[in-house]
Amino acid sequence: MNGLRRWLLSVLLACSVWPVTATAAPLVFSDTGQEARFHALTAELRCVQCQNQSLADSDALIAQDMRRQVLTLMQQGQSDSQIRAYLVQRYGQFVLYRPALSAATIALWLVPGLLLICGALLAWRVIARRQHLLAEHPLPPSGDDW
């Protein structure tokens, strides 16, 4: 009896740690136009789990589900803008690599340009100050003639 318990416990333990892999069935497209549209659309969308990968590139399980949902919506005859609107409604503006310009996203569009302008102004000021200091106080000759 003790051997049977040990064997059953071993089987249960092996089953509990056995790696579970979710293999998804391949996506089936009706034609090459639909496939090209699908790939273009999923390249524009962000994986909500990976955050820095497109929906097309991500291997996350949620990305697989989102790709299936995109294909299902395409097969139902929805346009790309309708599909984007559905995903934004479900996951928020984050799912878009290029979010629409609105009060909530204006900082995303303006801050990079403002930082670039501020950096250029700062660099110009530092260079101008150094040139002014060099003009007022020239460096003494080094004495080493090459």
Protein backbone atom coordinates (compact mmCIF):
# COMPACT_ATOMS: atom_id res chain seq x y z
CA MET A 1 0.00 0.00 0.00
CA ASN A 2 2.85 2.37 0.83
CA GLY A 3 4.39 1.77 -2.64
CA LEU A 4 1.06 2.56 -4.34
CA ARG A 5 0.72 5.83 -2.43
CA ARG A 6 4.25 6.80 -3.30
CA TRP A 7 3.63 6.00 -6.98
CA LEU A 8 0.35 8.01 -7.03
CA LEU A 9 2.03 10.91 -5.31
CA SER A 10 4.85 10.79 -7.86
CA VAL A 11 2.35 10.79 -10.74
CA LEU A 12 0.40 13.73 -9.24
CA LEU A 13 3.59 15.67 -8.67
CA ALA A 14 4.78 15.02 -12.21
CA CYS A 15 1.43 16.14 -13.62
CA SER A 16 1.43 19.31 -11.55
CA VAL A 17 4.86 20.46 -12.73
CA TRP A 18 4.55 19.23 -16.31
CA PRO A 19 5.07 22.24 -18.56
CA VAL A 20 1.84 23.48 -20.01
CA THR A 21 2.17 24.93 -23.47
CA ALA A 22 -0.66 26.66 -25.19
CA THR A 23 -0.48 25.89 -28.85
CA ALA A 24 -2.76 28.10 -30.83
CA ALA A 25 -4.22 27.01 -34.11
CA PRO A 26 -2.79 28.95 -37.04
CA LEU A 27 -4.75 31.90 -38.34
CA VAL A 28 -6.58 31.22 -41.60
CA PHE A 29 -6.96 34.07 -44.09
CA SER A 30 -9.44 34.13 -46.93
CA ASP A 31 -6.95 35.68 -49.37
CA THR A 32 -3.58 37.41 -49.54
CA GLY A 33 -5.21 40.85 -49.37
CA GLN A 34 -6.79 40.02 -46.04
CA GLU A 35 -3.48 38.65 -44.78
CA ALA A 36 -1.60 41.81 -45.84
CA ARG A 37 -4.26 44.01 -44.19
CA PHE A 38 -4.04 41.90 -41.01
CA HIS A 39 -0.26 42.19 -40.82
CA ALA A 40 -0.33 45.94 -41.47
CA LEU A 41 -2.97 46.47 -38.78
CA THR A 42 -1.31 44.30 -36.13
CA ALA A 43 2.02 46.07 -36.76
CA GLU A 44 0.31 49.36 -35.76
CA LEU A 45 -1.08 47.97 -32.51
CA ARG A 46 0.79 47.50 -29.24
CA CYS A 47 0.74 44.36 -27.11
CA VAL A 48 -0.79 45.33 -23.78
CA GLN A 49 1.43 42.89 -21.87
CA CYS A 50 4.79 43.40 -23.59
CA GLN A 51 4.29 47.16 -23.95
CA ASN A 52 7.23 47.68 -26.27
CA GLN A 53 6.34 45.13 -28.93
CA SER A 54 3.76 45.32 -31.62
CA LEU A 55 0.85 42.95 -31.62
CA ALA A 56 2.38 41.26 -34.67
CA ASP A 57 5.72 40.61 -32.93
CA SER A 58 4.56 39.60 -29.46
CA ASP A 59 4.46 35.98 -28.30
CA ALA A 60 2.33 36.72 -25.22
CA LEU A 61 -0.90 34.78 -24.82
CA ILE A 62 -2.96 37.97 -24.73
CA ALA A 63 -1.35 39.02 -28.04
CA GLN A 64 -2.50 35.73 -29.57
CA ASP A 65 -6.03 36.42 -28.32
CA MET A 66 -5.91 39.99 -29.62
CA ARG A 67 -4.70 38.82 -33.05
CA ARG A 68 -7.57 36.33 -33.20
CA GLN A 69 -10.01 39.09 -32.24
CA VAL A 70 -8.60 41.36 -34.96
CA LEU A 71 -9.01 38.62 -37.56
CA THR A 72 -12.55 37.85 -36.37
CA LEU A 73 -13.50 41.52 -36.62
CA MET A 74 -11.96 41.69 -40.10
CA GLN A 75 -13.95 38.64 -41.18
CA GLN A 76 -17.10 40.32 -39.86
CA GLY A 77 -16.47 43.15 -42.33
CA GLN A 78 -15.31 45.84 -39.92
CA SER A 79 -12.92 48.54 -41.16
CA ASP A 80 -9.49 49.17 -39.69
CA SER A 81 -10.76 52.26 -37.86
CA GLN A 82 -13.65 50.26 -36.36
CA ILE A 83 -11.21 47.56 -35.20
CA ARG A 84 -8.91 50.18 -33.66
CA ALA A 85 -11.91 51.81 -31.93
CA TYR A 86 -12.97 48.42 -30.52
CA LEU A 87 -9.47 47.73 -29.16
CA VAL A 88 -9.18 51.25 -27.71
CA GLN A 89 -12.55 50.82 -26.02
CA ARG A 90 -11.41 47.53 -24.55
CA TYR A 91 -7.74 48.26 -23.72
CA GLY A 92 -7.43 52.06 -23.81
CA GLN A 93 -5.36 54.44 -25.98
CA PHE A 94 -2.21 52.55 -24.93
CA VAL A 95 -2.93 49.88 -27.52
CA LEU A 96 -2.23 52.38 -30.31
CA TYR A 97 1.35 53.23 -31.28
CA ARG A 98 0.04 56.52 -32.68
CA PRO A 99 -2.69 57.68 -30.30
CA ALA A 100 -5.12 60.33 -31.52
CA LEU A 101 -4.35 63.92 -30.60
CA SER A 102 -6.60 64.82 -27.69
CA ALA A 103 -6.41 66.62 -24.36
CA ALA A 104 -5.28 63.39 -22.71
CA THR A 105 -2.51 62.66 -25.24
CA ILE A 106 -1.26 66.15 -26.09
CA ALA A 107 1.74 65.71 -23.79
CA LEU A 108 2.79 62.60 -25.75
CA TRP A 109 2.92 64.69 -28.90
CA LEU A 110 4.41 67.94 -27.54
CA VAL A 111 6.92 66.92 -24.86
CA PRO A 112 9.51 65.33 -27.21
CA GLY A 113 9.61 68.46 -29.37
CA LEU A 114 9.82 70.76 -26.36
CA LEU A 115 12.66 68.70 -24.89
CA LEU A 116 14.54 68.89 -28.20
CA ILE A 117 14.12 72.67 -28.36
CA CYS A 118 15.19 73.10 -24.71
CA GLY A 119 18.25 70.90 -25.28
CA ALA A 120 19.24 72.88 -28.37
CA LEU A 121 18.84 76.20 -26.50
CA LEU A 122 20.89 74.89 -23.58
CA ALA A 123 23.66 73.68 -25.89
CA TRP A 124 23.67 77.02 -27.74
CA ARG A 125 23.92 78.92 -24.43
CA VAL A 126 26.79 76.78 -23.12
CA ILE A 127 28.73 77.14 -26.38
CA ALA A 128 28.13 80.91 -26.50
CA ARG A 129 29.27 81.31 -22.88
CA ARG A 130 32.48 79.35 -23.51
CA GLN A 131 33.27 81.37 -26.61
CA HIS A 132 32.69 84.60 -24.65
CA LEU A 133 34.98 83.42 -21.83
CA LEU A 134 37.68 82.41 -24.32
CA ALA A 135 37.42 85.81 -25.99
CA GLU A 136 37.85 87.61 -22.64
CA HIS A 137 40.55 85.30 -21.28
CA PRO A 138 42.49 83.63 -24.08
CA LEU A 139 44.49 80.53 -23.25
CA PRO A 140 48.22 81.15 -22.69
CA PRO A 141 50.53 79.71 -25.30
CA SER A 142 51.62 76.22 -24.36
CA GLY A 143 55.23 76.59 -25.44
CA ASP A 144 55.14 73.28 -27.24
CA ASP A 145 55.44 73.79 -30.96
CA TRP A 146 54.64 70.71 -32.84
